[in-house]
C-alpha atoms as a PDB file:
ATOM      1  CA  UNK A   1     -28.888 -44.776  -0.071  1.00  0.00           C
ATOM      2  CA  UNK A   2     -29.525 -41.021  -0.275  1.00  0.00           C
ATOM      3  CA  UNK A   3     -27.870 -39.101  -3.108  1.00  0.00           C
ATOM      4  CA  UNK A   4     -27.149 -35.385  -2.947  1.00  0.00           C
ATOM      5  CA  UNK A   5     -27.755 -33.204  -5.953  1.00  0.00           C
ATOM      6  CA  UNK A   6     -24.678 -32.200  -7.923  1.00  0.00           C
ATOM      7  CA  UNK A   7     -25.968 -28.616  -8.220  1.00  0.00           C
ATOM      8  CA  UNK A   8     -28.216 -27.895  -5.209  1.00  0.00           C
ATOM      9  CA  UNK A   9     -29.070 -24.372  -6.429  1.00  0.00           C
ATOM     10  CA  UNK A  10     -29.396 -25.437 -10.048  1.00  0.00           C
ATOM     11  CA  UNK A  11     -26.900 -25.259 -12.882  1.00  0.00           C
ATOM     12  CA  UNK A  12     -27.568 -21.542 -13.495  1.00  0.00           C
ATOM     13  CA  UNK A  13     -26.799 -20.722  -9.867  1.00  0.00           C
ATOM     14  CA  UNK A  14     -23.610 -22.765 -10.137  1.00  0.00           C
ATOM     15  CA  UNK A  15     -22.496 -20.823 -13.221  1.00  0.00           C
ATOM     16  CA  UNK A  16     -23.275 -17.417 -11.718  1.00  0.00           C
ATOM     17  CA  UNK A  17     -21.578 -18.241  -8.415  1.00  0.00           C
ATOM     18  CA  UNK A  18     -18.546 -19.642 -10.241  1.00  0.00           C
ATOM     19  CA  UNK A  19     -18.305 -16.549 -12.430  1.00  0.00           C
ATOM     20  CA  UNK A  20     -18.345 -14.169  -9.484  1.00  0.00           C
ATOM     21  CA  UNK A  21     -15.820 -16.225  -7.519  1.00  0.00           C
ATOM     22  CA  UNK A  22     -13.497 -16.191 -10.544  1.00  0.00           C
ATOM     23  CA  UNK A  23     -14.073 -12.454 -10.999  1.00  0.00           C
ATOM     24  CA  UNK A  24     -13.273 -11.803  -7.329  1.00  0.00           C
ATOM     25  CA  UNK A  25     -10.059 -13.865  -7.517  1.00  0.00           C
ATOM     26  CA  UNK A  26      -8.869 -12.055 -10.661  1.00  0.00           C
ATOM     27  CA  UNK A  27      -9.761  -8.675  -9.171  1.00  0.00           C
ATOM     28  CA  UNK A  28      -7.828  -9.549  -6.020  1.00  0.00           C
ATOM     29  CA  UNK A  29      -4.710 -10.449  -8.019  1.00  0.00           C
ATOM     30  CA  UNK A  30      -4.943  -7.271 -10.110  1.00  0.00           C
ATOM     31  CA  UNK A  31      -5.409  -4.967  -7.111  1.00  0.00           C
ATOM     32  CA  UNK A  32      -2.537  -6.621  -5.215  1.00  0.00           C
ATOM     33  CA  UNK A  33      -0.293  -6.221  -8.266  1.00  0.00           C
ATOM     34  CA  UNK A  34      -1.241  -2.556  -8.613  1.00  0.00           C
ATOM     35  CA  UNK A  35      -0.589  -2.087  -4.914  1.00  0.00           C
ATOM     36  CA  UNK A  36       2.964  -3.358  -5.372  1.00  0.00           C
ATOM     37  CA  UNK A  37       3.482  -0.845  -8.185  1.00  0.00           C
ATOM     38  CA  UNK A  38       3.465   1.752  -5.398  1.00  0.00           C
ATOM     39  CA  UNK A  39       6.787   0.287  -4.256  1.00  0.00           C
ATOM     40  CA  UNK A  40       8.170   0.989  -7.734  1.00  0.00           C
ATOM     41  CA  UNK A  41       6.997   4.575  -7.356  1.00  0.00           C
ATOM     42  CA  UNK A  42       8.907   4.833  -4.083  1.00  0.00           C
ATOM     43  CA  UNK A  43      12.035   3.586  -5.843  1.00  0.00           C
ATOM     44  CA  UNK A  44      11.674   6.215  -8.564  1.00  0.00           C
ATOM     45  CA  UNK A  45      11.113   9.011  -6.048  1.00  0.00           C
ATOM     46  CA  UNK A  46      14.183   7.876  -4.078  1.00  0.00           C
ATOM     47  CA  UNK A  47      16.289   7.846  -7.239  1.00  0.00           C
ATOM     48  CA  UNK A  48      15.048  11.316  -8.201  1.00  0.00           C
ATOM     49  CA  UNK A  49      15.758  12.823  -4.794  1.00  0.00           C
ATOM     50  CA  UNK A  50      19.231  11.291  -4.651  1.00  0.00           C
ATOM     51  CA  UNK A  51      19.908  12.568  -8.173  1.00  0.00           C
ATOM     52  CA  UNK A  52      19.132  16.071  -6.913  1.00  0.00           C
ATOM     53  CA  UNK A  53      21.499  15.570  -3.957  1.00  0.00           C
ATOM     54  CA  UNK A  54      24.252  14.306  -6.291  1.00  0.00           C
ATOM     55  CA  UNK A  55      23.739  17.273  -8.648  1.00  0.00           C
ATOM     56  CA  UNK A  56      23.914  19.762  -5.770  1.00  0.00           C
ATOM     57  CA  UNK A  57      27.018  17.996  -4.489  1.00  0.00           C
ATOM     58  CA  UNK A  58      28.713  18.358  -7.895  1.00  0.00           C
ATOM     59  CA  UNK A  59      27.845  22.071  -7.937  1.00  0.00           C
ATOM     60  CA  UNK A  60      29.829  22.631  -4.742  1.00  0.00           C
ATOM     61  CA  UNK A  61      33.430  21.781  -3.963  1.00  0.00           C
ATOM     62  CA  UNK A  62      35.540  20.779  -1.016  1.00  0.00           C
ATOM     63  CA  UNK A  63      33.907  20.620   2.405  1.00  0.00           C
ATOM     64  CA  UNK A  64      30.659  22.044   0.961  1.00  0.00           C
ATOM     65  CA  UNK A  65      30.094  18.952  -1.153  1.00  0.00           C
ATOM     66  CA  UNK A  66      30.495  16.708   1.895  1.00  0.00           C
ATOM     67  CA  UNK A  67      28.020  18.865   3.844  1.00  0.00           C
ATOM     68  CA  UNK A  68      25.540  18.719   0.934  1.00  0.00           C
ATOM     69  CA  UNK A  69      25.987  14.943   0.761  1.00  0.00           C
ATOM     70  CA  UNK A  70      25.369  14.439   4.483  1.00  0.00           C
ATOM     71  CA  UNK A  71      22.464  16.905   4.774  1.00  0.00           C
ATOM     72  CA  UNK A  72      20.927  15.680   1.517  1.00  0.00           C
ATOM     73  CA  UNK A  73      21.022  12.068   2.659  1.00  0.00           C
ATOM     74  CA  UNK A  74      19.529  13.002   6.032  1.00  0.00           C
ATOM     75  CA  UNK A  75      16.748  14.960   4.310  1.00  0.00           C
ATOM     76  CA  UNK A  76      15.955  12.108   1.907  1.00  0.00           C
ATOM     77  CA  UNK A  77      15.978   9.546   4.737  1.00  0.00           C
ATOM     78  CA  UNK A  78      13.679  11.732   6.841  1.00  0.00           C
ATOM     79  CA  UNK A  79      11.252  12.278   3.970  1.00  0.00           C
ATOM     80  CA  UNK A  80      11.201   8.587   3.089  1.00  0.00           C
ATOM     81  CA  UNK A  81      10.667   7.693   6.747  1.00  0.00           C
ATOM     82  CA  UNK A  82       7.646   9.998   6.721  1.00  0.00           C
ATOM     83  CA  UNK A  83       6.334   8.357   3.552  1.00  0.00           C
ATOM     84  CA  UNK A  84       6.784   4.865   5.010  1.00  0.00           C
ATOM     85  CA  UNK A  85       5.059   5.926   8.240  1.00  0.00           C
ATOM     86  CA  UNK A  86       2.081   7.251   6.292  1.00  0.00           C
ATOM     87  CA  UNK A  87       1.859   4.012   4.294  1.00  0.00           C
ATOM     88  CA  UNK A  88       1.984   1.905   7.465  1.00  0.00           C
ATOM     89  CA  UNK A  89      -0.853   3.927   8.994  1.00  0.00           C
ATOM     90  CA  UNK A  90      -2.855   3.599   5.767  1.00  0.00           C
ATOM     91  CA  UNK A  91      -2.394  -0.159   5.777  1.00  0.00           C
ATOM     92  CA  UNK A  92      -3.323  -0.414   9.455  1.00  0.00           C
ATOM     93  CA  UNK A  93      -6.375   1.828   9.443  1.00  0.00           C
ATOM     94  CA  UNK A  94      -7.808   1.203   5.987  1.00  0.00           C
ATOM     95  CA  UNK A  95      -6.721  -2.232   4.840  1.00  0.00           C
ATOM     96  CA  UNK A  96      -6.691  -4.156   8.123  1.00  0.00           C
ATOM     97  CA  UNK A  97      -9.298  -2.431  10.285  1.00  0.00           C
ATOM     98  CA  UNK A  98     -11.887  -2.368   7.493  1.00  0.00           C
ATOM     99  CA  UNK A  99     -11.830  -6.181   7.506  1.00  0.00           C
ATOM    100  CA  UNK A 100     -12.475  -6.618  11.222  1.00  0.00           C
ATOM    101  CA  UNK A 101     -14.203  -3.450  12.441  1.00  0.00           C
ATOM    102  CA  UNK A 102     -17.922  -3.851  13.071  1.00  0.00           C
ATOM    103  CA  UNK A 103     -18.757  -0.556  14.762  1.00  0.00           C
ATOM    104  CA  UNK A 104     -21.022  -1.915  17.496  1.00  0.00           C
ATOM    105  CA  UNK A 105     -19.027  -0.614  20.476  1.00  0.00           C
ATOM    106  CA  UNK A 106     -19.505   2.361  22.780  1.00  0.00           C
ATOM    107  CA  UNK A 107     -20.129   5.823  21.386  1.00  0.00           C
ATOM    108  CA  UNK A 108     -17.222   8.213  21.985  1.00  0.00           C
ATOM    109  CA  UNK A 109     -18.170  11.074  24.309  1.00  0.00           C
ATOM    110  CA  UNK A 110     -15.402  13.681  24.678  1.00  0.00           C
ATOM    111  CA  UNK A 111     -14.693  15.098  28.131  1.00  0.00           C
ATOM    112  CA  UNK A 112     -14.765  18.735  26.984  1.00  0.00           C
END
């Protein structure tokens, strides 16, 4: 009967490898948590922009306040759509492509 070693690379190698795997797992959790704090920043920016719209609406009266409300909401929605679009592109190009891209394809040669 052939027995395998419990620590094929030695006990020191086991400790070092275990330490770095633990460090990588903790670092992954911390960076993912910090990444979600960005969502909290988006919430605060939305609240601030809508506070400005509400303040401008209170400064006007009648039909003007309705116009400020509608245009303010459209402006905030457009700006937040732009922010979300930028974040989606960042996630696509940086987060996802950096995991799979190897760079061994054809060199780009422009036509002009």
